[in-house]
N, C-alpha and C. Protein backbone atom coordinates (compact mmCIF):
# COMPACT_ATOMS: atom_id res chain seq x y z
N MET A 1 0.86 -1.18 0.00
CA MET A 1 0.00 0.00 0.00
C MET A 1 0.91 1.24 0.00
N HIS A 2 0.58 2.19 -0.83
CA HIS A 2 1.34 3.42 -0.92
C HIS A 2 0.86 4.42 0.13
N ALA A 3 1.72 5.37 0.48
CA ALA A 3 1.38 6.38 1.48
C ALA A 3 0.11 7.13 1.08
N LYS A 4 -0.04 7.45 -0.21
CA LYS A 4 -1.23 8.19 -0.61
C LYS A 4 -2.49 7.37 -0.39
N ASP A 5 -2.40 6.04 -0.51
CA ASP A 5 -3.56 5.19 -0.27
C ASP A 5 -3.95 5.19 1.22
N ILE A 6 -2.95 5.25 2.08
CA ILE A 6 -3.21 5.33 3.51
C ILE A 6 -3.87 6.66 3.85
N LEU A 7 -3.38 7.73 3.26
CA LEU A 7 -3.98 9.05 3.48
C LEU A 7 -5.42 9.09 2.95
N ILE A 8 -5.65 8.55 1.79
CA ILE A 8 -7.01 8.50 1.23
C ILE A 8 -7.93 7.73 2.17
N GLU A 9 -7.46 6.62 2.69
CA GLU A 9 -8.26 5.84 3.65
C GLU A 9 -8.57 6.66 4.89
N GLY A 10 -7.56 7.36 5.41
CA GLY A 10 -7.76 8.18 6.62
C GLY A 10 -8.77 9.28 6.41
N TYR A 11 -8.62 10.02 5.32
CA TYR A 11 -9.57 11.11 5.05
C TYR A 11 -10.97 10.57 4.75
N SER A 12 -11.07 9.39 4.16
CA SER A 12 -12.38 8.79 3.90
C SER A 12 -13.07 8.40 5.21
N ARG A 13 -12.29 8.02 6.20
CA ARG A 13 -12.88 7.73 7.51
C ARG A 13 -13.44 8.99 8.16
N VAL A 14 -12.77 10.11 7.97
CA VAL A 14 -13.31 11.38 8.48
C VAL A 14 -14.66 11.64 7.83
N GLN A 15 -14.76 11.45 6.52
CA GLN A 15 -16.03 11.67 5.82
C GLN A 15 -17.14 10.79 6.40
N GLU A 16 -16.84 9.52 6.62
CA GLU A 16 -17.83 8.61 7.21
C GLU A 16 -18.30 9.12 8.57
N GLU A 17 -17.36 9.56 9.39
CA GLU A 17 -17.70 10.02 10.74
C GLU A 17 -18.46 11.34 10.71
N VAL A 18 -18.14 12.22 9.77
CA VAL A 18 -18.90 13.47 9.63
C VAL A 18 -20.36 13.14 9.36
N HIS A 19 -20.61 12.25 8.42
CA HIS A 19 -22.00 11.88 8.09
C HIS A 19 -22.69 11.22 9.28
N ALA A 20 -22.01 10.28 9.93
CA ALA A 20 -22.61 9.57 11.06
C ALA A 20 -22.91 10.52 12.23
N THR A 21 -22.07 11.49 12.44
CA THR A 21 -22.25 12.41 13.57
C THR A 21 -23.38 13.40 13.33
N VAL A 22 -23.52 13.87 12.11
CA VAL A 22 -24.51 14.90 11.79
C VAL A 22 -25.89 14.32 11.49
N GLU A 23 -25.92 13.08 11.01
CA GLU A 23 -27.17 12.47 10.55
C GLU A 23 -28.27 12.55 11.61
N GLY A 24 -29.42 13.06 11.18
CA GLY A 24 -30.62 13.08 12.03
C GLY A 24 -30.68 14.21 13.03
N LEU A 25 -29.65 15.04 13.11
CA LEU A 25 -29.68 16.16 14.06
C LEU A 25 -30.35 17.36 13.42
N GLY A 26 -31.23 18.00 14.17
CA GLY A 26 -31.89 19.21 13.69
C GLY A 26 -31.07 20.44 14.02
N PRO A 27 -31.53 21.60 13.58
CA PRO A 27 -30.79 22.84 13.79
C PRO A 27 -30.47 23.14 15.26
N ASP A 28 -31.42 22.87 16.15
CA ASP A 28 -31.18 23.15 17.57
C ASP A 28 -30.12 22.22 18.15
N GLU A 29 -30.17 20.95 17.77
CA GLU A 29 -29.16 20.00 18.27
C GLU A 29 -27.79 20.31 17.69
N LEU A 30 -27.75 20.67 16.41
CA LEU A 30 -26.47 21.00 15.79
C LEU A 30 -25.82 22.21 16.43
N SER A 31 -26.62 23.14 16.90
CA SER A 31 -26.10 24.39 17.48
C SER A 31 -26.01 24.37 18.99
N ALA A 32 -26.50 23.31 19.63
CA ALA A 32 -26.50 23.24 21.10
C ALA A 32 -25.08 23.22 21.63
N ARG A 33 -24.90 23.92 22.75
CA ARG A 33 -23.61 23.97 23.43
C ARG A 33 -23.86 23.71 24.91
N PRO A 34 -23.19 22.71 25.49
CA PRO A 34 -23.42 22.38 26.90
C PRO A 34 -23.17 23.54 27.84
N SER A 35 -22.29 24.45 27.47
CA SER A 35 -22.06 25.67 28.24
C SER A 35 -21.67 26.77 27.25
N PRO A 36 -21.75 28.01 27.65
CA PRO A 36 -21.44 29.11 26.73
C PRO A 36 -20.01 29.11 26.19
N ASP A 37 -19.11 28.42 26.86
CA ASP A 37 -17.70 28.41 26.43
C ASP A 37 -17.32 27.18 25.63
N THR A 38 -18.30 26.35 25.25
CA THR A 38 -17.98 25.13 24.50
C THR A 38 -18.42 25.27 23.04
N ASN A 39 -17.96 24.36 22.24
CA ASN A 39 -18.30 24.34 20.82
C ASN A 39 -19.54 23.50 20.58
N SER A 40 -20.19 23.74 19.45
CA SER A 40 -21.34 22.95 19.05
C SER A 40 -20.90 21.92 18.01
N VAL A 41 -21.77 20.96 17.73
CA VAL A 41 -21.51 20.00 16.66
C VAL A 41 -21.33 20.75 15.34
N ALA A 42 -22.21 21.71 15.08
CA ALA A 42 -22.12 22.48 13.83
C ALA A 42 -20.77 23.18 13.72
N TRP A 43 -20.34 23.84 14.81
CA TRP A 43 -19.07 24.55 14.76
C TRP A 43 -17.92 23.57 14.55
N LEU A 44 -17.91 22.46 15.25
CA LEU A 44 -16.81 21.49 15.14
C LEU A 44 -16.70 20.94 13.72
N VAL A 45 -17.82 20.58 13.12
CA VAL A 45 -17.79 20.02 11.76
C VAL A 45 -17.43 21.12 10.76
N TRP A 46 -17.99 22.31 10.92
CA TRP A 46 -17.64 23.42 10.03
C TRP A 46 -16.15 23.72 10.14
N HIS A 47 -15.64 23.81 11.35
CA HIS A 47 -14.23 24.15 11.57
C HIS A 47 -13.29 23.09 10.98
N LEU A 48 -13.56 21.81 11.24
CA LEU A 48 -12.65 20.79 10.70
C LEU A 48 -12.67 20.81 9.17
N THR A 49 -13.83 21.12 8.60
CA THR A 49 -13.93 21.20 7.15
C THR A 49 -13.21 22.44 6.62
N ARG A 50 -13.36 23.56 7.30
CA ARG A 50 -12.67 24.79 6.88
C ARG A 50 -11.16 24.60 6.93
N VAL A 51 -10.65 23.99 8.00
CA VAL A 51 -9.21 23.78 8.13
C VAL A 51 -8.71 22.86 7.01
N GLN A 52 -9.44 21.77 6.78
CA GLN A 52 -9.04 20.87 5.70
C GLN A 52 -9.06 21.60 4.36
N ASP A 53 -10.10 22.34 4.10
CA ASP A 53 -10.23 23.09 2.86
C ASP A 53 -9.08 24.08 2.71
N ASP A 54 -8.83 24.87 3.73
CA ASP A 54 -7.78 25.88 3.70
C ASP A 54 -6.39 25.27 3.51
N HIS A 55 -6.08 24.26 4.29
CA HIS A 55 -4.73 23.69 4.27
C HIS A 55 -4.45 22.86 3.02
N ILE A 56 -5.44 22.10 2.56
CA ILE A 56 -5.24 21.30 1.34
C ILE A 56 -5.12 22.24 0.13
N ALA A 57 -5.98 23.25 0.07
CA ALA A 57 -5.90 24.21 -1.04
C ALA A 57 -4.53 24.89 -1.06
N ASP A 58 -4.06 25.30 0.10
CA ASP A 58 -2.76 25.96 0.18
C ASP A 58 -1.63 25.02 -0.24
N ALA A 59 -1.65 23.81 0.27
CA ALA A 59 -0.56 22.85 0.00
C ALA A 59 -0.49 22.43 -1.46
N PHE A 60 -1.63 22.42 -2.14
CA PHE A 60 -1.67 21.96 -3.53
C PHE A 60 -1.91 23.10 -4.53
N ASP A 61 -1.86 24.34 -4.03
CA ASP A 61 -2.08 25.52 -4.87
C ASP A 61 -3.43 25.45 -5.59
N LEU A 62 -4.47 25.18 -4.82
CA LEU A 62 -5.84 25.09 -5.32
C LEU A 62 -6.68 26.22 -4.72
N ASP A 63 -7.84 26.47 -5.30
CA ASP A 63 -8.79 27.41 -4.71
C ASP A 63 -9.52 26.71 -3.57
N GLN A 64 -9.83 27.46 -2.53
CA GLN A 64 -10.64 26.89 -1.45
C GLN A 64 -12.06 26.64 -1.97
N VAL A 65 -12.58 25.49 -1.67
CA VAL A 65 -13.95 25.13 -2.03
C VAL A 65 -14.93 26.12 -1.40
N TRP A 66 -14.64 26.56 -0.20
CA TRP A 66 -15.47 27.52 0.55
C TRP A 66 -15.79 28.73 -0.31
N LEU A 67 -14.78 29.20 -1.04
CA LEU A 67 -14.95 30.40 -1.85
C LEU A 67 -15.32 30.08 -3.30
N SER A 68 -14.66 29.11 -3.90
CA SER A 68 -14.85 28.83 -5.32
C SER A 68 -16.20 28.19 -5.63
N GLN A 69 -16.80 27.51 -4.66
CA GLN A 69 -18.10 26.88 -4.88
C GLN A 69 -19.23 27.55 -4.09
N ASP A 70 -18.96 28.76 -3.61
CA ASP A 70 -19.96 29.60 -2.93
C ASP A 70 -20.50 29.04 -1.62
N TRP A 71 -19.74 28.17 -0.96
CA TRP A 71 -20.20 27.67 0.34
C TRP A 71 -20.26 28.79 1.36
N GLU A 72 -19.36 29.75 1.25
CA GLU A 72 -19.39 30.89 2.18
C GLU A 72 -20.75 31.59 2.11
N LYS A 73 -21.27 31.78 0.90
CA LYS A 73 -22.57 32.44 0.74
C LYS A 73 -23.70 31.53 1.21
N ARG A 74 -23.60 30.24 0.94
CA ARG A 74 -24.66 29.31 1.36
C ARG A 74 -24.78 29.26 2.88
N PHE A 75 -23.64 29.31 3.57
CA PHE A 75 -23.67 29.29 5.03
C PHE A 75 -24.12 30.64 5.58
N GLY A 76 -23.70 31.73 4.99
CA GLY A 76 -24.12 33.07 5.42
C GLY A 76 -23.84 33.35 6.88
N LEU A 77 -22.63 33.06 7.33
CA LEU A 77 -22.31 33.18 8.76
C LEU A 77 -21.94 34.59 9.21
N GLY A 78 -21.62 35.46 8.26
CA GLY A 78 -21.21 36.81 8.65
C GLY A 78 -19.81 36.86 9.25
N LEU A 79 -18.98 35.90 8.88
CA LEU A 79 -17.60 35.86 9.33
C LEU A 79 -16.69 36.28 8.17
N PRO A 80 -15.46 36.68 8.46
CA PRO A 80 -14.53 37.00 7.37
C PRO A 80 -14.40 35.83 6.39
N ARG A 81 -14.22 36.14 5.11
CA ARG A 81 -14.22 35.13 4.03
C ARG A 81 -13.25 33.98 4.27
N HIS A 82 -12.09 34.26 4.80
CA HIS A 82 -11.06 33.23 4.97
C HIS A 82 -11.03 32.65 6.39
N ASP A 83 -12.00 32.97 7.20
CA ASP A 83 -12.05 32.48 8.59
C ASP A 83 -12.17 30.96 8.61
N THR A 84 -11.34 30.32 9.41
CA THR A 84 -11.40 28.86 9.57
C THR A 84 -11.90 28.45 10.95
N GLY A 85 -12.11 29.43 11.81
CA GLY A 85 -12.55 29.13 13.17
C GLY A 85 -11.44 29.09 14.18
N TYR A 86 -10.19 29.15 13.71
CA TYR A 86 -9.06 29.10 14.64
C TYR A 86 -9.12 30.29 15.59
N GLY A 87 -9.09 30.01 16.89
CA GLY A 87 -9.10 31.05 17.91
C GLY A 87 -10.45 31.72 18.12
N HIS A 88 -11.51 31.09 17.67
CA HIS A 88 -12.83 31.70 17.81
C HIS A 88 -13.20 31.91 19.27
N SER A 89 -13.79 33.06 19.52
CA SER A 89 -14.37 33.37 20.83
C SER A 89 -15.72 32.65 20.92
N PRO A 90 -16.28 32.53 22.12
CA PRO A 90 -17.62 31.94 22.23
C PRO A 90 -18.66 32.66 21.37
N ALA A 91 -18.54 33.97 21.22
CA ALA A 91 -19.50 34.71 20.39
C ALA A 91 -19.39 34.30 18.92
N LYS A 92 -18.17 34.08 18.45
CA LYS A 92 -18.01 33.65 17.05
C LYS A 92 -18.46 32.20 16.88
N VAL A 93 -18.22 31.35 17.86
CA VAL A 93 -18.71 29.97 17.80
C VAL A 93 -20.23 29.98 17.64
N ALA A 94 -20.90 30.86 18.37
CA ALA A 94 -22.36 30.95 18.33
C ALA A 94 -22.88 31.37 16.95
N LYS A 95 -22.05 32.03 16.14
CA LYS A 95 -22.46 32.46 14.80
C LYS A 95 -22.59 31.29 13.83
N VAL A 96 -21.96 30.17 14.16
CA VAL A 96 -21.98 29.03 13.24
C VAL A 96 -23.23 28.21 13.52
N ARG A 97 -24.30 28.61 12.85
CA ARG A 97 -25.60 27.94 12.94
C ARG A 97 -26.01 27.52 11.54
N VAL A 98 -26.63 26.35 11.45
CA VAL A 98 -27.09 25.85 10.15
C VAL A 98 -28.53 25.37 10.28
N ASP A 99 -29.24 25.40 9.16
CA ASP A 99 -30.63 24.95 9.15
C ASP A 99 -30.75 23.44 9.09
N SER A 100 -29.69 22.78 8.58
CA SER A 100 -29.72 21.32 8.52
C SER A 100 -28.29 20.79 8.42
N GLY A 101 -28.17 19.53 8.77
CA GLY A 101 -26.88 18.87 8.64
C GLY A 101 -26.46 18.69 7.20
N ASP A 102 -27.41 18.76 6.28
CA ASP A 102 -27.10 18.61 4.85
C ASP A 102 -26.12 19.68 4.38
N LEU A 103 -26.22 20.87 4.94
CA LEU A 103 -25.29 21.94 4.57
C LEU A 103 -23.88 21.56 5.00
N LEU A 104 -23.74 21.05 6.21
CA LEU A 104 -22.43 20.64 6.72
C LEU A 104 -21.85 19.47 5.92
N THR A 105 -22.67 18.46 5.68
CA THR A 105 -22.15 17.29 4.95
C THR A 105 -21.91 17.63 3.48
N GLY A 106 -22.74 18.51 2.91
CA GLY A 106 -22.51 18.92 1.53
C GLY A 106 -21.18 19.62 1.37
N TYR A 107 -20.90 20.54 2.28
CA TYR A 107 -19.62 21.25 2.23
C TYR A 107 -18.47 20.27 2.48
N TYR A 108 -18.62 19.40 3.49
CA TYR A 108 -17.54 18.44 3.74
C TYR A 108 -17.31 17.56 2.50
N ASP A 109 -18.37 17.07 1.89
CA ASP A 109 -18.22 16.19 0.73
C ASP A 109 -17.50 16.90 -0.42
N ALA A 110 -17.79 18.18 -0.62
CA ALA A 110 -17.11 18.94 -1.68
C ALA A 110 -15.62 19.09 -1.36
N VAL A 111 -15.29 19.36 -0.11
CA VAL A 111 -13.89 19.47 0.30
C VAL A 111 -13.21 18.10 0.19
N HIS A 112 -13.92 17.07 0.59
CA HIS A 112 -13.38 15.71 0.52
C HIS A 112 -13.05 15.33 -0.93
N ALA A 113 -13.93 15.69 -1.85
CA ALA A 113 -13.68 15.38 -3.27
C ALA A 113 -12.41 16.08 -3.75
N GLN A 114 -12.24 17.35 -3.35
CA GLN A 114 -11.02 18.06 -3.75
C GLN A 114 -9.79 17.44 -3.09
N THR A 115 -9.94 17.05 -1.83
CA THR A 115 -8.82 16.42 -1.11
C THR A 115 -8.41 15.12 -1.79
N LEU A 116 -9.39 14.27 -2.13
CA LEU A 116 -9.07 13.00 -2.78
C LEU A 116 -8.40 13.23 -4.14
N GLY A 117 -8.87 14.20 -4.89
CA GLY A 117 -8.24 14.51 -6.17
C GLY A 117 -6.78 14.90 -5.98
N ALA A 118 -6.52 15.71 -4.98
CA ALA A 118 -5.14 16.12 -4.70
C ALA A 118 -4.30 14.93 -4.25
N LEU A 119 -4.85 14.11 -3.37
CA LEU A 119 -4.10 12.95 -2.86
C LEU A 119 -3.80 11.95 -3.97
N ARG A 120 -4.75 11.74 -4.86
CA ARG A 120 -4.54 10.77 -5.95
C ARG A 120 -3.42 11.21 -6.89
N SER A 121 -3.14 12.51 -6.93
CA SER A 121 -2.10 13.02 -7.82
C SER A 121 -0.69 12.88 -7.24
N LEU A 122 -0.59 12.45 -6.00
CA LEU A 122 0.70 12.40 -5.31
C LEU A 122 1.63 11.32 -5.81
N ALA A 123 2.90 11.66 -5.85
CA ALA A 123 3.98 10.69 -5.98
C ALA A 123 4.70 10.70 -4.64
N ALA A 124 5.38 9.63 -4.31
CA ALA A 124 6.04 9.51 -3.00
C ALA A 124 6.96 10.70 -2.73
N LYS A 125 7.70 11.15 -3.72
CA LYS A 125 8.64 12.25 -3.53
C LYS A 125 7.93 13.56 -3.18
N ASP A 126 6.66 13.71 -3.58
CA ASP A 126 5.91 14.93 -3.29
C ASP A 126 5.73 15.16 -1.80
N LEU A 127 5.68 14.08 -1.03
CA LEU A 127 5.44 14.19 0.41
C LEU A 127 6.58 14.90 1.13
N GLU A 128 7.74 14.99 0.49
CA GLU A 128 8.90 15.65 1.11
C GLU A 128 9.01 17.13 0.74
N ARG A 129 8.14 17.60 -0.12
CA ARG A 129 8.16 19.02 -0.52
C ARG A 129 7.79 19.90 0.67
N VAL A 130 8.56 20.95 0.91
CA VAL A 130 8.28 21.89 2.01
C VAL A 130 7.11 22.78 1.61
N VAL A 131 6.10 22.81 2.48
CA VAL A 131 4.92 23.64 2.22
C VAL A 131 4.82 24.83 3.17
N ASP A 132 5.63 24.83 4.23
CA ASP A 132 5.60 25.93 5.20
C ASP A 132 6.96 26.01 5.87
N ASP A 133 7.71 27.05 5.51
CA ASP A 133 9.05 27.20 6.07
C ASP A 133 9.09 28.13 7.29
N ARG A 134 7.93 28.45 7.84
CA ARG A 134 7.87 29.29 9.04
C ARG A 134 8.15 28.49 10.31
N TRP A 135 8.29 27.19 10.20
CA TRP A 135 8.52 26.31 11.34
C TRP A 135 9.93 25.75 11.29
N ASP A 136 10.41 25.29 12.44
CA ASP A 136 11.71 24.64 12.51
C ASP A 136 11.52 23.28 13.15
N PRO A 137 11.60 22.20 12.43
CA PRO A 137 11.97 22.14 11.02
C PRO A 137 10.80 22.56 10.12
N PRO A 138 11.10 22.94 8.88
CA PRO A 138 10.04 23.30 7.94
C PRO A 138 9.04 22.15 7.76
N VAL A 139 7.81 22.51 7.49
CA VAL A 139 6.73 21.52 7.37
C VAL A 139 6.69 20.99 5.93
N THR A 140 6.77 19.67 5.81
CA THR A 140 6.65 19.04 4.50
C THR A 140 5.18 18.76 4.20
N LEU A 141 4.91 18.46 2.94
CA LEU A 141 3.54 18.11 2.55
C LEU A 141 3.06 16.90 3.32
N GLY A 142 3.91 15.89 3.49
CA GLY A 142 3.51 14.70 4.24
C GLY A 142 3.11 15.03 5.67
N VAL A 143 3.90 15.85 6.32
CA VAL A 143 3.59 16.25 7.70
C VAL A 143 2.30 17.06 7.74
N ARG A 144 2.12 17.97 6.79
CA ARG A 144 0.90 18.79 6.76
C ARG A 144 -0.33 17.92 6.58
N LEU A 145 -0.27 16.94 5.68
CA LEU A 145 -1.42 16.06 5.43
C LEU A 145 -1.77 15.25 6.66
N VAL A 146 -0.78 14.76 7.38
CA VAL A 146 -1.04 14.01 8.61
C VAL A 146 -1.55 14.94 9.70
N SER A 147 -1.04 16.15 9.77
CA SER A 147 -1.50 17.12 10.75
C SER A 147 -2.97 17.45 10.56
N VAL A 148 -3.37 17.70 9.32
CA VAL A 148 -4.78 18.00 9.03
C VAL A 148 -5.65 16.79 9.37
N LEU A 149 -5.21 15.62 8.99
CA LEU A 149 -5.96 14.40 9.29
C LEU A 149 -6.13 14.22 10.80
N SER A 150 -5.06 14.44 11.55
CA SER A 150 -5.12 14.33 13.01
C SER A 150 -6.10 15.34 13.60
N ASP A 151 -6.04 16.57 13.13
CA ASP A 151 -6.94 17.62 13.60
C ASP A 151 -8.40 17.26 13.29
N ASP A 152 -8.63 16.79 12.06
CA ASP A 152 -9.99 16.37 11.67
C ASP A 152 -10.51 15.27 12.58
N LEU A 153 -9.69 14.26 12.82
CA LEU A 153 -10.12 13.14 13.65
C LEU A 153 -10.42 13.57 15.08
N GLN A 154 -9.60 14.48 15.61
CA GLN A 154 -9.87 14.97 16.96
C GLN A 154 -11.20 15.71 17.02
N HIS A 155 -11.43 16.59 16.04
CA HIS A 155 -12.66 17.39 16.07
C HIS A 155 -13.91 16.56 15.79
N ILE A 156 -13.82 15.57 14.90
CA ILE A 156 -15.02 14.76 14.67
C ILE A 156 -15.28 13.88 15.88
N GLY A 157 -14.23 13.47 16.57
CA GLY A 157 -14.42 12.73 17.83
C GLY A 157 -15.11 13.59 18.88
N GLN A 158 -14.72 14.85 18.96
CA GLN A 158 -15.38 15.77 19.90
C GLN A 158 -16.85 15.94 19.53
N ALA A 159 -17.12 16.10 18.23
CA ALA A 159 -18.50 16.29 17.77
C ALA A 159 -19.34 15.05 18.05
N ALA A 160 -18.78 13.87 17.83
CA ALA A 160 -19.51 12.62 18.10
C ALA A 160 -19.79 12.48 19.60
N TYR A 161 -18.82 12.83 20.42
CA TYR A 161 -19.03 12.79 21.87
C TYR A 161 -20.15 13.76 22.26
N LEU A 162 -20.10 14.97 21.71
CA LEU A 162 -21.11 15.97 22.01
C LEU A 162 -22.49 15.50 21.56
N ARG A 163 -22.58 14.87 20.41
CA ARG A 163 -23.85 14.32 19.94
C ARG A 163 -24.40 13.33 20.97
N GLY A 164 -23.56 12.42 21.42
CA GLY A 164 -23.99 11.45 22.43
C GLY A 164 -24.41 12.10 23.74
N LEU A 165 -23.66 13.10 24.16
CA LEU A 165 -23.99 13.81 25.39
C LEU A 165 -25.35 14.50 25.27
N LEU A 166 -25.57 15.17 24.16
CA LEU A 166 -26.84 15.87 23.95
C LEU A 166 -28.01 14.89 23.90
N GLN A 167 -27.81 13.75 23.28
CA GLN A 167 -28.87 12.75 23.20
C GLN A 167 -29.16 12.15 24.59
N THR A 168 -28.11 11.97 25.38
CA THR A 168 -28.29 11.45 26.74
C THR A 168 -29.05 12.46 27.60
N LEU A 169 -28.69 13.73 27.49
CA LEU A 169 -29.37 14.77 28.26
C LEU A 169 -30.83 14.94 27.85
N ALA A 170 -31.14 14.68 26.59
CA ALA A 170 -32.50 14.83 26.07
C ALA A 170 -33.42 13.68 26.49
N SER A 171 -32.82 12.54 26.86
CA SER A 171 -33.67 11.38 27.18
C SER A 171 -33.98 11.28 28.65
């Protein structure tokens, strides 16, 4: 198995978990926050998707799906165009509200399609290309791809936990 196949498998698991976590939740459940300082399922899924979109587009010199496919307008969050959610205050977290999970999964699926296209184009030597020299050591494409995957998995795990917590509290 090639490294790109492992990455494709990893990112495909994120897609599966995004769908499983969001499925059947209404707008109130998606936006619910156990306390004012916590994130919602909607914010967690939006944020992990924005980070993946931003970082994959940057690493492969692609346009962000958020902007090129008008997802920013569809969401209508009133946040800066390139906002990924990094460092959001509780007030900004509260702005990430959606009418249905279909908006979240639709955006994730579009980002996932772009991610898979980029991953399928990889040769082994590409993973060693430096994509960010602001770090010591500089960040290679391989490290960036694993970093985004790790971040995605952490956030979808948080969202799945929150879904379970909300369902337990509701029963």
